[in-house]
């Protein structure tokens, strides 16, 4: 009888311990409506400790390297696509690019943009 009691107690402790390792996050957002009552949305998510761990902070050298790589990618895109602002007949400024697919992030490395078949 004692081993059965010990197993039951151990099971209870393990279940309560695993439940404490989870975090519940609830967020609520409300939006006013012009045509009726406001609409509210509640989102509840349960996270395990492995999901809730914060991201590792970058050192200054890593952050500097990341920013330099990001700026290099932007410069490369601008050199390839050459975006220019053009005002259309309705007075809206739109961007035009030197190559097709630049509005989708094309940088010229992947070759031509895939064509749709009719």
PDB file of N, CA and C in Angstrom:
ATOM      1  N   UNK A   1       0.817  -1.188   0.000  1.00  0.00           N
ATOM      2  CA  UNK A   1       0.000   0.000   0.000  1.00  0.00           C
ATOM      3  C   UNK A   1       0.866   1.259   0.000  1.00  0.00           C
ATOM      4  N   UNK A   2       1.965   1.225   0.753  1.00  0.00           N
ATOM      5  CA  UNK A   2       2.850   2.387   0.806  1.00  0.00           C
ATOM      6  C   UNK A   2       3.462   2.709  -0.556  1.00  0.00           C
ATOM      7  N   UNK A   3       3.901   1.700  -1.367  1.00  0.00           N
ATOM      8  CA  UNK A   3       4.441   2.044  -2.686  1.00  0.00           C
ATOM      9  C   UNK A   3       3.393   2.702  -3.586  1.00  0.00           C
ATOM     10  N   UNK A   4       2.154   2.267  -3.511  1.00  0.00           N
ATOM     11  CA  UNK A   4       1.093   2.858  -4.312  1.00  0.00           C
ATOM     12  C   UNK A   4       0.856   4.306  -3.891  1.00  0.00           C
ATOM     13  N   UNK A   5       0.876   4.570  -2.581  1.00  0.00           N
ATOM     14  CA  UNK A   5       0.723   5.928  -2.066  1.00  0.00           C
ATOM     15  C   UNK A   5       1.886   6.803  -2.528  1.00  0.00           C
ATOM     16  N   UNK A   6       3.103   6.269  -2.494  1.00  0.00           N
ATOM     17  CA  UNK A   6       4.282   7.024  -2.916  1.00  0.00           C
ATOM     18  C   UNK A   6       4.209   7.359  -4.405  1.00  0.00           C
ATOM     19  N   UNK A   7       3.759   6.426  -5.225  1.00  0.00           N
ATOM     20  CA  UNK A   7       3.644   6.675  -6.667  1.00  0.00           C
ATOM     21  C   UNK A   7       2.586   7.737  -6.938  1.00  0.00           C
ATOM     22  N   UNK A   8       1.464   7.670  -6.208  1.00  0.00           N
ATOM     23  CA  UNK A   8       0.404   8.666  -6.381  1.00  0.00           C
ATOM     24  C   UNK A   8       0.900  10.051  -5.994  1.00  0.00           C
ATOM     25  N   UNK A   9       1.636  10.164  -4.907  1.00  0.00           N
ATOM     26  CA  UNK A   9       2.175  11.453  -4.475  1.00  0.00           C
ATOM     27  C   UNK A   9       3.204  11.982  -5.478  1.00  0.00           C
ATOM     28  N   UNK A  10       4.054  11.089  -5.967  1.00  0.00           N
ATOM     29  CA  UNK A  10       5.058  11.492  -6.951  1.00  0.00           C
ATOM     30  C   UNK A  10       4.385  12.005  -8.223  1.00  0.00           C
ATOM     31  N   UNK A  11       3.343  11.317  -8.674  1.00  0.00           N
ATOM     32  CA  UNK A  11       2.604  11.751  -9.855  1.00  0.00           C
ATOM     33  C   UNK A  11       1.981  13.120  -9.658  1.00  0.00           C
ATOM     34  N   UNK A  12       1.411  13.372  -8.506  1.00  0.00           N
ATOM     35  CA  UNK A  12       0.804  14.667  -8.199  1.00  0.00           C
ATOM     36  C   UNK A  12       1.842  15.775  -8.208  1.00  0.00           C
ATOM     37  N   UNK A  13       2.999  15.518  -7.620  1.00  0.00           N
ATOM     38  CA  UNK A  13       4.063  16.520  -7.577  1.00  0.00           C
ATOM     39  C   UNK A  13       4.569  16.817  -8.985  1.00  0.00           C
ATOM     40  N   UNK A  14       4.785  15.780  -9.807  1.00  0.00           N
ATOM     41  CA  UNK A  14       5.279  15.992 -11.165  1.00  0.00           C
ATOM     42  C   UNK A  14       4.284  16.754 -12.027  1.00  0.00           C
ATOM     43  N   UNK A  15       2.999  16.462 -11.890  1.00  0.00           N
ATOM     44  CA  UNK A  15       1.986  17.166 -12.667  1.00  0.00           C
ATOM     45  C   UNK A  15       1.941  18.635 -12.269  1.00  0.00           C
ATOM     46  N   UNK A  16       1.957  18.932 -10.967  1.00  0.00           N
ATOM     47  CA  UNK A  16       1.913  20.325 -10.535  1.00  0.00           C
ATOM     48  C   UNK A  16       3.192  21.059 -10.916  1.00  0.00           C
ATOM     49  N   UNK A  17       4.329  20.365 -10.932  1.00  0.00           N
ATOM     50  CA  UNK A  17       5.597  20.994 -11.308  1.00  0.00           C
ATOM     51  C   UNK A  17       5.591  21.363 -12.783  1.00  0.00           C
ATOM     52  N   UNK A  18       5.084  20.464 -13.660  1.00  0.00           N
ATOM     53  CA  UNK A  18       5.045  20.768 -15.084  1.00  0.00           C
ATOM     54  C   UNK A  18       4.044  21.879 -15.382  1.00  0.00           C
ATOM     55  N   UNK A  19       2.985  21.958 -14.618  1.00  0.00           N
ATOM     56  CA  UNK A  19       2.012  23.027 -14.822  1.00  0.00           C
ATOM     57  C   UNK A  19       2.601  24.374 -14.447  1.00  0.00           C
ATOM     58  N   UNK A  20       3.469  24.408 -13.451  1.00  0.00           N
ATOM     59  CA  UNK A  20       4.076  25.677 -13.060  1.00  0.00           C
ATOM     60  C   UNK A  20       5.114  26.143 -14.070  1.00  0.00           C
ATOM     61  N   UNK A  21       5.585  25.259 -14.950  1.00  0.00           N
ATOM     62  CA  UNK A  21       6.574  25.625 -15.956  1.00  0.00           C
ATOM     63  C   UNK A  21       5.939  26.318 -17.150  1.00  0.00           C
ATOM     64  N   UNK A  22       4.603  26.390 -17.182  1.00  0.00           N
ATOM     65  CA  UNK A  22       3.915  27.043 -18.277  1.00  0.00           C
ATOM     66  C   UNK A  22       3.494  28.445 -17.871  1.00  0.00           C
ATOM     67  N   UNK A  23       3.470  29.336 -18.846  1.00  0.00           N
ATOM     68  CA  UNK A  23       3.067  30.708 -18.614  1.00  0.00           C
ATOM     69  C   UNK A  23       1.894  31.008 -19.533  1.00  0.00           C
ATOM     70  N   UNK A  24       0.864  31.620 -19.007  1.00  0.00           N
ATOM     71  CA  UNK A  24      -0.287  31.997 -19.812  1.00  0.00           C
ATOM     72  C   UNK A  24      -0.244  33.499 -20.057  1.00  0.00           C
ATOM     73  N   UNK A  25      -0.328  33.882 -21.330  1.00  0.00           N
ATOM     74  CA  UNK A  25      -0.298  35.289 -21.720  1.00  0.00           C
ATOM     75  C   UNK A  25      -1.646  35.621 -22.342  1.00  0.00           C
ATOM     76  N   UNK A  26      -2.292  36.663 -21.838  1.00  0.00           N
ATOM     77  CA  UNK A  26      -3.583  37.088 -22.362  1.00  0.00           C
ATOM     78  C   UNK A  26      -3.467  38.530 -22.821  1.00  0.00           C
ATOM     79  N   UNK A  27      -3.924  38.794 -24.045  1.00  0.00           N
ATOM     80  CA  UNK A  27      -3.939  40.174 -24.525  1.00  0.00           C
ATOM     81  C   UNK A  27      -5.337  40.485 -25.058  1.00  0.00           C
ATOM     82  N   UNK A  28      -5.785  41.691 -24.829  1.00  0.00           N
ATOM     83  CA  UNK A  28      -7.129  42.096 -25.232  1.00  0.00           C
ATOM     84  C   UNK A  28      -7.010  43.397 -26.000  1.00  0.00           C
ATOM     85  N   UNK A  29      -7.659  43.446 -27.155  1.00  0.00           N
ATOM     86  CA  UNK A  29      -7.667  44.675 -27.940  1.00  0.00           C
ATOM     87  C   UNK A  29      -9.089  44.974 -28.373  1.00  0.00           C
ATOM     88  N   UNK A  30      -9.460  46.236 -28.294  1.00  0.00           N
ATOM     89  CA  UNK A  30     -10.802  46.659 -28.675  1.00  0.00           C
ATOM     90  C   UNK A  30     -10.696  47.719 -29.767  1.00  0.00           C
ATOM     91  N   UNK A  31     -11.639  47.656 -30.691  1.00  0.00           N
ATOM     92  CA  UNK A  31     -11.659  48.620 -31.782  1.00  0.00           C
ATOM     93  C   UNK A  31     -13.066  49.199 -31.889  1.00  0.00           C
ATOM     94  N   UNK A  32     -13.160  50.519 -31.931  1.00  0.00           N
ATOM     95  CA  UNK A  32     -14.458  51.176 -32.056  1.00  0.00           C
ATOM     96  C   UNK A  32     -14.969  50.997 -33.478  1.00  0.00           C
ATOM     97  N   UNK A  33     -16.277  50.891 -33.618  1.00  0.00           N
ATOM     98  CA  UNK A  33     -16.892  50.725 -34.920  1.00  0.00           C
ATOM     99  C   UNK A  33     -17.781  51.923 -35.217  1.00  0.00           C
ATOM    100  N   UNK A  34     -17.790  52.347 -36.454  1.00  0.00           N
ATOM    101  CA  UNK A  34     -18.620  53.472 -36.854  1.00  0.00           C
ATOM    102  C   UNK A  34     -20.086  53.084 -36.918  1.00  0.00           C
ATOM    103  N   UNK A  35     -20.369  51.825 -37.239  1.00  0.00           N
ATOM    104  CA  UNK A  35     -21.727  51.391 -37.501  1.00  0.00           C
ATOM    105  C   UNK A  35     -22.378  50.598 -36.380  1.00  0.00           C
ATOM    106  N   UNK A  36     -21.724  50.434 -35.255  1.00  0.00           N
ATOM    107  CA  UNK A  36     -22.318  49.659 -34.179  1.00  0.00           C
ATOM    108  C   UNK A  36     -21.408  49.638 -32.969  1.00  0.00           C
ATOM    109  N   UNK A  37     -21.609  48.643 -32.098  1.00  0.00           N
ATOM    110  CA  UNK A  37     -20.790  48.561 -30.883  1.00  0.00           C
ATOM    111  C   UNK A  37     -19.342  48.213 -31.210  1.00  0.00           C
ATOM    112  N   UNK A  38     -18.470  48.523 -30.268  1.00  0.00           N
ATOM    113  CA  UNK A  38     -17.063  48.221 -30.480  1.00  0.00           C
ATOM    114  C   UNK A  38     -16.839  46.714 -30.443  1.00  0.00           C
ATOM    115  N   UNK A  39     -15.787  46.285 -31.110  1.00  0.00           N
ATOM    116  CA  UNK A  39     -15.450  44.868 -31.179  1.00  0.00           C
ATOM    117  C   UNK A  39     -14.184  44.635 -30.375  1.00  0.00           C
ATOM    118  N   UNK A  40     -14.240  43.657 -29.461  1.00  0.00           N
ATOM    119  CA  UNK A  40     -13.082  43.335 -28.638  1.00  0.00           C
ATOM    120  C   UNK A  40     -12.624  41.919 -28.946  1.00  0.00           C
ATOM    121  N   UNK A  41     -11.326  41.738 -28.966  1.00  0.00           N
ATOM    122  CA  UNK A  41     -10.743  40.425 -29.215  1.00  0.00           C
ATOM    123  C   UNK A  41      -9.800  40.094 -28.074  1.00  0.00           C
ATOM    124  N   UNK A  42      -9.928  38.884 -27.539  1.00  0.00           N
ATOM    125  CA  UNK A  42      -9.047  38.419 -26.476  1.00  0.00           C
ATOM    126  C   UNK A  42      -8.265  37.232 -27.000  1.00  0.00           C
ATOM    127  N   UNK A  43      -6.941  37.286 -26.872  1.00  0.00           N
ATOM    128  CA  UNK A  43      -6.070  36.202 -27.313  1.00  0.00           C
ATOM    129  C   UNK A  43      -5.352  35.654 -26.089  1.00  0.00           C
ATOM    130  N   UNK A  44      -5.478  34.349 -25.851  1.00  0.00           N
ATOM    131  CA  UNK A  44      -4.812  33.694 -24.736  1.00  0.00           C
ATOM    132  C   UNK A  44      -3.875  32.640 -25.292  1.00  0.00           C
ATOM    133  N   UNK A  45      -2.635  32.671 -24.853  1.00  0.00           N
ATOM    134  CA  UNK A  45      -1.644  31.713 -25.337  1.00  0.00           C
ATOM    135  C   UNK A  45      -0.877  31.175 -24.141  1.00  0.00           C
ATOM    136  N   UNK A  46      -0.663  29.867 -24.141  1.00  0.00           N
ATOM    137  CA  UNK A  46       0.104  29.223 -23.088  1.00  0.00           C
ATOM    138  C   UNK A  46       1.485  28.901 -23.642  1.00  0.00           C
ATOM    139  N   UNK A  47       2.501  29.363 -22.937  1.00  0.00           N
ATOM    140  CA  UNK A  47       3.880  29.150 -23.361  1.00  0.00           C
ATOM    141  C   UNK A  47       4.592  28.232 -22.386  1.00  0.00           C
ATOM    142  N   UNK A  48       5.416  27.365 -22.901  1.00  0.00           N
ATOM    143  CA  UNK A  48       6.312  26.579 -22.056  1.00  0.00           C
ATOM    144  C   UNK A  48       7.527  27.422 -21.743  1.00  0.00           C
ATOM    145  N   UNK A  49       8.314  27.028 -20.757  1.00  0.00           N
ATOM    146  CA  UNK A  49       9.523  27.772 -20.422  1.00  0.00           C
ATOM    147  C   UNK A  49      10.476  27.857 -21.602  1.00  0.00           C
ATOM    148  N   UNK A  50      10.539  26.812 -22.418  1.00  0.00           N
ATOM    149  CA  UNK A  50      11.457  26.823 -23.551  1.00  0.00           C
ATOM    150  C   UNK A  50      11.048  27.873 -24.580  1.00  0.00           C
ATOM    151  N   UNK A  51       9.726  28.144 -24.731  1.00  0.00           N
ATOM    152  CA  UNK A  51       9.259  29.150 -25.674  1.00  0.00           C
ATOM    153  C   UNK A  51       9.356  30.556 -25.094  1.00  0.00           C
ATOM    154  N   UNK A  52       9.266  30.670 -23.789  1.00  0.00           N
ATOM    155  CA  UNK A  52       9.203  31.979 -23.157  1.00  0.00           C
ATOM    156  C   UNK A  52      10.567  32.574 -22.856  1.00  0.00           C
ATOM    157  N   UNK A  53      11.640  31.854 -23.124  1.00  0.00           N
ATOM    158  CA  UNK A  53      12.958  32.387 -22.815  1.00  0.00           C
ATOM    159  C   UNK A  53      13.269  33.570 -23.726  1.00  0.00           C
ATOM    160  N   UNK A  54      13.790  34.649 -23.189  1.00  0.00           N
ATOM    161  CA  UNK A  54      14.094  35.819 -24.013  1.00  0.00           C
ATOM    162  C   UNK A  54      15.270  35.533 -24.947  1.00  0.00           C
ATOM    163  N   UNK A  55      15.307  36.284 -26.036  1.00  0.00           N
ATOM    164  CA  UNK A  55      16.395  36.115 -26.985  1.00  0.00           C
ATOM    165  C   UNK A  55      17.690  36.639 -26.395  1.00  0.00           C
ATOM    166  N   UNK A  56      18.787  36.031 -26.837  1.00  0.00           N
ATOM    167  CA  UNK A  56      20.105  36.437 -26.364  1.00  0.00           C
ATOM    168  C   UNK A  56      20.427  37.835 -26.890  1.00  0.00           C
ATOM    169  N   UNK A  57      20.908  38.681 -26.021  1.00  0.00           N
ATOM    170  CA  UNK A  57      21.300  40.021 -26.420  1.00  0.00           C
ATOM    171  C   UNK A  57      22.587  39.956 -27.234  1.00  0.00           C
ATOM    172  N   UNK A  58      22.647  40.775 -28.297  1.00  0.00           N
ATOM    173  CA  UNK A  58      23.853  40.816 -29.114  1.00  0.00           C
ATOM    174  C   UNK A  58      24.887  41.726 -28.463  1.00  0.00           C
ATOM    175  N   UNK A  59      26.129  41.358 -28.633  1.00  0.00           N
ATOM    176  CA  UNK A  59      27.190  42.245 -28.154  1.00  0.00           C
ATOM    177  C   UNK A  59      27.290  43.425 -29.117  1.00  0.00           C
ATOM    178  N   UNK A  60      28.049  44.438 -28.738  1.00  0.00           N
ATOM    179  CA  UNK A  60      28.177  45.617 -29.598  1.00  0.00           C
ATOM    180  C   UNK A  60      28.834  45.261 -30.921  1.00  0.00           C
ATOM    181  N   UNK A  61      29.803  44.362 -30.903  1.00  0.00           N
ATOM    182  CA  UNK A  61      30.477  43.957 -32.141  1.00  0.00           C
ATOM    183  C   UNK A  61      29.514  43.199 -33.052  1.00  0.00           C
ATOM    184  N   UNK A  62      28.699  42.299 -32.470  1.00  0.00           N
ATOM    185  CA  UNK A  62      27.724  41.553 -33.269  1.00  0.00           C
ATOM    186  C   UNK A  62      26.667  42.491 -33.845  1.00  0.00           C
ATOM    187  N   UNK A  63      26.214  43.441 -33.033  1.00  0.00           N
ATOM    188  CA  UNK A  63      25.208  44.384 -33.497  1.00  0.00           C
ATOM    189  C   UNK A  63      25.759  45.269 -34.610  1.00  0.00           C
ATOM    190  N   UNK A  64      27.002  45.723 -34.459  1.00  0.00           N
ATOM    191  CA  UNK A  64      27.646  46.549 -35.482  1.00  0.00           C
ATOM    192  C   UNK A  64      27.770  45.769 -36.794  1.00  0.00           C
ATOM    193  N   UNK A  65      28.188  44.492 -36.697  1.00  0.00           N
ATOM    194  CA  UNK A  65      28.322  43.649 -37.881  1.00  0.00           C
ATOM    195  C   UNK A  65      26.962  43.439 -38.549  1.00  0.00           C
ATOM    196  N   UNK A  66      25.921  43.192 -37.751  1.00  0.00           N
ATOM    197  CA  UNK A  66      24.571  43.006 -38.283  1.00  0.00           C
ATOM    198  C   UNK A  66      24.097  44.259 -39.022  1.00  0.00           C
ATOM    199  N   UNK A  67      24.312  45.430 -38.430  1.00  0.00           N
ATOM    200  CA  UNK A  67      23.882  46.683 -39.065  1.00  0.00           C
ATOM    201  C   UNK A  67      24.654  46.949 -40.351  1.00  0.00           C
ATOM    202  N   UNK A  68      25.961  46.639 -40.369  1.00  0.00           N
ATOM    203  CA  UNK A  68      26.754  46.827 -41.584  1.00  0.00           C
ATOM    204  C   UNK A  68      26.259  45.913 -42.696  1.00  0.00           C
ATOM    205  N   UNK A  69      25.946  44.648 -42.366  1.00  0.00           N
ATOM    206  CA  UNK A  69      25.424  43.719 -43.371  1.00  0.00           C
ATOM    207  C   UNK A  69      24.064  44.178 -43.891  1.00  0.00           C
ATOM    208  N   UNK A  70      23.234  44.697 -42.997  1.00  0.00           N
ATOM    209  CA  UNK A  70      21.917  45.185 -43.397  1.00  0.00           C
ATOM    210  C   UNK A  70      22.053  46.379 -44.344  1.00  0.00           C
ATOM    211  N   UNK A  71      22.941  47.315 -44.011  1.00  0.00           N
ATOM    212  CA  UNK A  71      23.154  48.477 -44.867  1.00  0.00           C
ATOM    213  C   UNK A  71      23.726  48.067 -46.218  1.00  0.00           C
ATOM    214  N   UNK A  72      24.600  47.055 -46.235  1.00  0.00           N
ATOM    215  CA  UNK A  72      25.161  46.562 -47.497  1.00  0.00           C
ATOM    216  C   UNK A  72      24.065  45.962 -48.373  1.00  0.00           C
ATOM    217  N   UNK A  73      23.135  45.201 -47.773  1.00  0.00           N
ATOM    218  CA  UNK A  73      22.026  44.635 -48.542  1.00  0.00           C
ATOM    219  C   UNK A  73      21.148  45.731 -49.128  1.00  0.00           C
ATOM    220  N   UNK A  74      20.893  46.770 -48.341  1.00  0.00           N
ATOM    221  CA  UNK A  74      20.061  47.881 -48.815  1.00  0.00           C
ATOM    222  C   UNK A  74      20.750  48.610 -49.960  1.00  0.00           C
ATOM    223  N   UNK A  75      22.054  48.894 -49.815  1.00  0.00           N
ATOM    224  CA  UNK A  75      22.804  49.560 -50.882  1.00  0.00           C
ATOM    225  C   UNK A  75      22.797  48.724 -52.163  1.00  0.00           C
ATOM    226  N   UNK A  76      22.990  47.418 -52.030  1.00  0.00           N
ATOM    227  CA  UNK A  76      22.998  46.517 -53.181  1.00  0.00           C
ATOM    228  C   UNK A  76      21.651  46.552 -53.892  1.00  0.00           C
ATOM    229  N   UNK A  77      20.560  46.524 -53.117  1.00  0.00           N
ATOM    230  CA  UNK A  77      19.223  46.578 -53.705  1.00  0.00           C
ATOM    231  C   UNK A  77      19.007  47.909 -54.421  1.00  0.00           C
ATOM    232  N   UNK A  78      19.398  49.026 -53.780  1.00  0.00           N
ATOM    233  CA  UNK A  78      19.218  50.339 -54.391  1.00  0.00           C
ATOM    234  C   UNK A  78      20.029  50.482 -55.674  1.00  0.00           C
ATOM    235  N   UNK A  79      21.258  49.944 -55.715  1.00  0.00           N
ATOM    236  CA  UNK A  79      22.084  50.014 -56.913  1.00  0.00           C
ATOM    237  C   UNK A  79      21.470  49.201 -58.055  1.00  0.00           C
ATOM    238  N   UNK A  80      20.880  48.060 -57.739  1.00  0.00           N
ATOM    239  CA  UNK A  80      20.295  47.217 -58.775  1.00  0.00           C
ATOM    240  C   UNK A  80      18.943  47.755 -59.239  1.00  0.00           C
ATOM    241  N   UNK A  81      18.095  48.149 -58.309  1.00  0.00           N
ATOM    242  CA  UNK A  81      16.718  48.517 -58.647  1.00  0.00           C
ATOM    243  C   UNK A  81      16.531  49.987 -59.005  1.00  0.00           C
ATOM    244  N   UNK A  82      17.377  50.864 -58.481  1.00  0.00           N
ATOM    245  CA  UNK A  82      17.295  52.301 -58.750  1.00  0.00           C
ATOM    246  C   UNK A  82      15.863  52.832 -58.609  1.00  0.00           C
ATOM    247  N   UNK A  83      15.290  52.813 -57.399  1.00  0.00           N
ATOM    248  CA  UNK A  83      13.911  53.290 -57.217  1.00  0.00           C
ATOM    249  C   UNK A  83      13.803  54.795 -57.443  1.00  0.00           C
ATOM    250  N   UNK A  84      12.760  55.196 -58.179  1.00  0.00           N
ATOM    251  CA  UNK A  84      12.498  56.615 -58.413  1.00  0.00           C
ATOM    252  C   UNK A  84      11.022  56.874 -58.153  1.00  0.00           C
ATOM    253  N   UNK A  85      10.717  58.022 -57.585  1.00  0.00           N
ATOM    254  CA  UNK A  85       9.336  58.391 -57.308  1.00  0.00           C
ATOM    255  C   UNK A  85       8.717  59.078 -58.507  1.00  0.00           C
ATOM    256  N   UNK A  86       7.538  58.631 -58.918  1.00  0.00           N
ATOM    257  CA  UNK A  86       6.812  59.208 -60.046  1.00  0.00           C
ATOM    258  C   UNK A  86       5.401  59.536 -59.565  1.00  0.00           C
ATOM    259  N   UNK A  87       4.931  60.740 -59.864  1.00  0.00           N
ATOM    260  CA  UNK A  87       3.584  61.133 -59.482  1.00  0.00           C
ATOM    261  C   UNK A  87       2.640  60.797 -60.628  1.00  0.00           C
ATOM    262  N   UNK A  88       1.586  60.037 -60.327  1.00  0.00           N
ATOM    263  CA  UNK A  88       0.647  59.634 -61.375  1.00  0.00           C
ATOM    264  C   UNK A  88      -0.406  60.718 -61.600  1.00  0.00           C
ATOM    265  N   UNK A  89      -1.373  60.445 -62.468  1.00  0.00           N
ATOM    266  CA  UNK A  89      -2.391  61.436 -62.837  1.00  0.00           C
ATOM    267  C   UNK A  89      -3.293  61.825 -61.665  1.00  0.00           C
ATOM    268  N   UNK A  90      -3.347  61.003 -60.623  1.00  0.00           N
ATOM    269  CA  UNK A  90      -4.192  61.298 -59.471  1.00  0.00           C
ATOM    270  C   UNK A  90      -3.419  61.998 -58.353  1.00  0.00           C
ATOM    271  N   UNK A  91      -2.145  62.278 -58.589  1.00  0.00           N
ATOM    272  CA  UNK A  91      -1.330  62.974 -57.604  1.00  0.00           C
ATOM    273  C   UNK A  91      -0.706  62.066 -56.568  1.00  0.00           C
ATOM    274  N   UNK A  92      -0.726  60.751 -56.812  1.00  0.00           N
ATOM    275  CA  UNK A  92      -0.152  59.794 -55.876  1.00  0.00           C
ATOM    276  C   UNK A  92       1.266  59.461 -56.317  1.00  0.00           C
ATOM    277  N   UNK A  93       2.207  59.525 -55.393  1.00  0.00           N
ATOM    278  CA  UNK A  93       3.588  59.186 -55.712  1.00  0.00           C
ATOM    279  C   UNK A  93       3.760  57.679 -55.673  1.00  0.00           C
ATOM    280  N   UNK A  94       4.256  57.135 -56.767  1.00  0.00           N
ATOM    281  CA  UNK A  94       4.496  55.699 -56.879  1.00  0.00           C
ATOM    282  C   UNK A  94       5.958  55.480 -57.209  1.00  0.00           C
ATOM    283  N   UNK A  95       6.476  54.329 -56.804  1.00  0.00           N
ATOM    284  CA  UNK A  95       7.870  54.012 -57.090  1.00  0.00           C
ATOM    285  C   UNK A  95       7.975  53.222 -58.386  1.00  0.00           C
ATOM    286  N   UNK A  96       8.980  53.565 -59.176  1.00  0.00           N
ATOM    287  CA  UNK A  96       9.316  52.797 -60.373  1.00  0.00           C
ATOM    288  C   UNK A  96      10.715  52.255 -60.177  1.00  0.00           C
ATOM    289  N   UNK A  97      10.936  51.063 -60.741  1.00  0.00           N
ATOM    290  CA  UNK A  97      12.220  50.396 -60.571  1.00  0.00           C
ATOM    291  C   UNK A  97      12.848  50.109 -61.929  1.00  0.00           C
ATOM    292  N   UNK A  98      14.160  49.983 -61.941  1.00  0.00           N
ATOM    293  CA  UNK A  98      14.888  49.716 -63.177  1.00  0.00           C
ATOM    294  C   UNK A  98      14.658  48.290 -63.653  1.00  0.00           C
ATOM    295  N   UNK A  99      14.352  47.351 -62.749  1.00  0.00           N
ATOM    296  CA  UNK A  99      14.185  45.948 -63.110  1.00  0.00           C
ATOM    297  C   UNK A  99      12.886  45.407 -62.547  1.00  0.00           C
ATOM    298  N   UNK A 100      12.331  44.412 -63.230  1.00  0.00           N
ATOM    299  CA  UNK A 100      11.106  43.768 -62.788  1.00  0.00           C
ATOM    300  C   UNK A 100      11.371  42.937 -61.527  1.00  0.00           C
ATOM    301  N   UNK A 101      10.441  42.957 -60.585  1.00  0.00           N
ATOM    302  CA  UNK A 101      10.556  42.163 -59.371  1.00  0.00           C
ATOM    303  C   UNK A 101      11.197  42.890 -58.207  1.00  0.00           C
ATOM    304  N   UNK A 102      11.638  44.109 -58.407  1.00  0.00           N
ATOM    305  CA  UNK A 102      12.275  44.843 -57.305  1.00  0.00           C
ATOM    306  C   UNK A 102      11.290  45.174 -56.194  1.00  0.00           C
ATOM    307  N   UNK A 103      10.010  45.326 -56.531  1.00  0.00           N
ATOM    308  CA  UNK A 103       9.007  45.589 -55.501  1.00  0.00           C
ATOM    309  C   UNK A 103       8.803  44.379 -54.600  1.00  0.00           C
ATOM    310  N   UNK A 104       9.294  43.219 -55.023  1.00  0.00           N
ATOM    311  CA  UNK A 104       9.191  41.999 -54.225  1.00  0.00           C
ATOM    312  C   UNK A 104      10.491  41.669 -53.516  1.00  0.00           C
ATOM    313  N   UNK A 105      11.476  42.568 -53.584  1.00  0.00           N
ATOM    314  CA  UNK A 105      12.738  42.356 -52.885  1.00  0.00           C
ATOM    315  C   UNK A 105      13.829  41.741 -53.741  1.00  0.00           C
ATOM    316  N   UNK A 106      13.643  41.674 -55.040  1.00  0.00           N
ATOM    317  CA  UNK A 106      14.655  41.089 -55.926  1.00  0.00           C
ATOM    318  C   UNK A 106      15.912  41.933 -55.899  1.00  0.00           C
ATOM    319  N   UNK A 107      17.072  41.279 -55.837  1.00  0.00           N
ATOM    320  CA  UNK A 107      18.346  41.997 -55.810  1.00  0.00           C
ATOM    321  C   UNK A 107      19.215  41.677 -57.005  1.00  0.00           C
ATOM    322  N   UNK A 108      18.745  40.852 -57.919  1.00  0.00           N
ATOM    323  CA  UNK A 108      19.510  40.522 -59.108  1.00  0.00           C
ATOM    324  C   UNK A 108      20.320  39.259 -58.990  1.00  0.00           C
ATOM    325  N   UNK A 109      20.364  38.643 -57.812  1.00  0.00           N
ATOM    326  CA  UNK A 109      21.154  37.442 -57.620  1.00  0.00           C
ATOM    327  C   UNK A 109      20.471  36.198 -58.188  1.00  0.00           C
ATOM    328  N   UNK A 110      19.145  36.137 -58.104  1.00  0.00           N
ATOM    329  CA  UNK A 110      18.412  34.920 -58.434  1.00  0.00           C
ATOM    330  C   UNK A 110      18.075  34.803 -59.906  1.00  0.00           C
ATOM    331  N   UNK A 111      18.423  35.761 -60.718  1.00  0.00           N
ATOM    332  CA  UNK A 111      18.090  35.696 -62.124  1.00  0.00           C
ATOM    333  C   UNK A 111      16.738  36.304 -62.397  1.00  0.00           C
ATOM    334  N   UNK A 112      16.099  35.908 -63.520  1.00  0.00           N
ATOM    335  CA  UNK A 112      14.816  36.525 -63.887  1.00  0.00           C
ATOM    336  C   UNK A 112      13.702  36.114 -62.932  1.00  0.00           C
ATOM    337  N   UNK A 113      12.690  36.967 -62.867  1.00  0.00           N
ATOM    338  CA  UNK A 113      11.521  36.682 -62.035  1.00  0.00           C
ATOM    339  C   UNK A 113      10.673  35.639 -62.747  1.00  0.00           C
ATOM    340  N   UNK A 114      10.125  34.698 -62.001  1.00  0.00           N
ATOM    341  CA  UNK A 114       9.287  33.655 -62.587  1.00  0.00           C
ATOM    342  C   UNK A 114       8.060  34.268 -63.237  1.00  0.00           C
ATOM    343  N   UNK A 115       7.731  33.779 -64.389  1.00  0.00           N
ATOM    344  CA  UNK A 115       6.570  34.285 -65.144  1.00  0.00           C
ATOM    345  C   UNK A 115       5.361  33.398 -64.877  1.00  0.00           C
ATOM    346  N   UNK A 116       4.195  34.027 -64.805  1.00  0.00           N
ATOM    347  CA  UNK A 116       2.965  33.263 -64.621  1.00  0.00           C
ATOM    348  C   UNK A 116       2.530  32.704 -65.969  1.00  0.00           C
ATOM    349  N   UNK A 117       2.011  31.491 -65.961  1.00  0.00           N
ATOM    350  CA  UNK A 117       1.500  30.873 -67.184  1.00  0.00           C
ATOM    351  C   UNK A 117       0.009  31.057 -67.250  1.00  0.00           C
ATOM    352  N   UNK A 118      -0.466  31.306 -68.445  1.00  0.00           N
ATOM    353  CA  UNK A 118      -1.908  31.491 -68.625  1.00  0.00           C
ATOM    354  C   UNK A 118      -2.551  30.222 -69.071  1.00  0.00           C
TER     355      UNK A 118
END
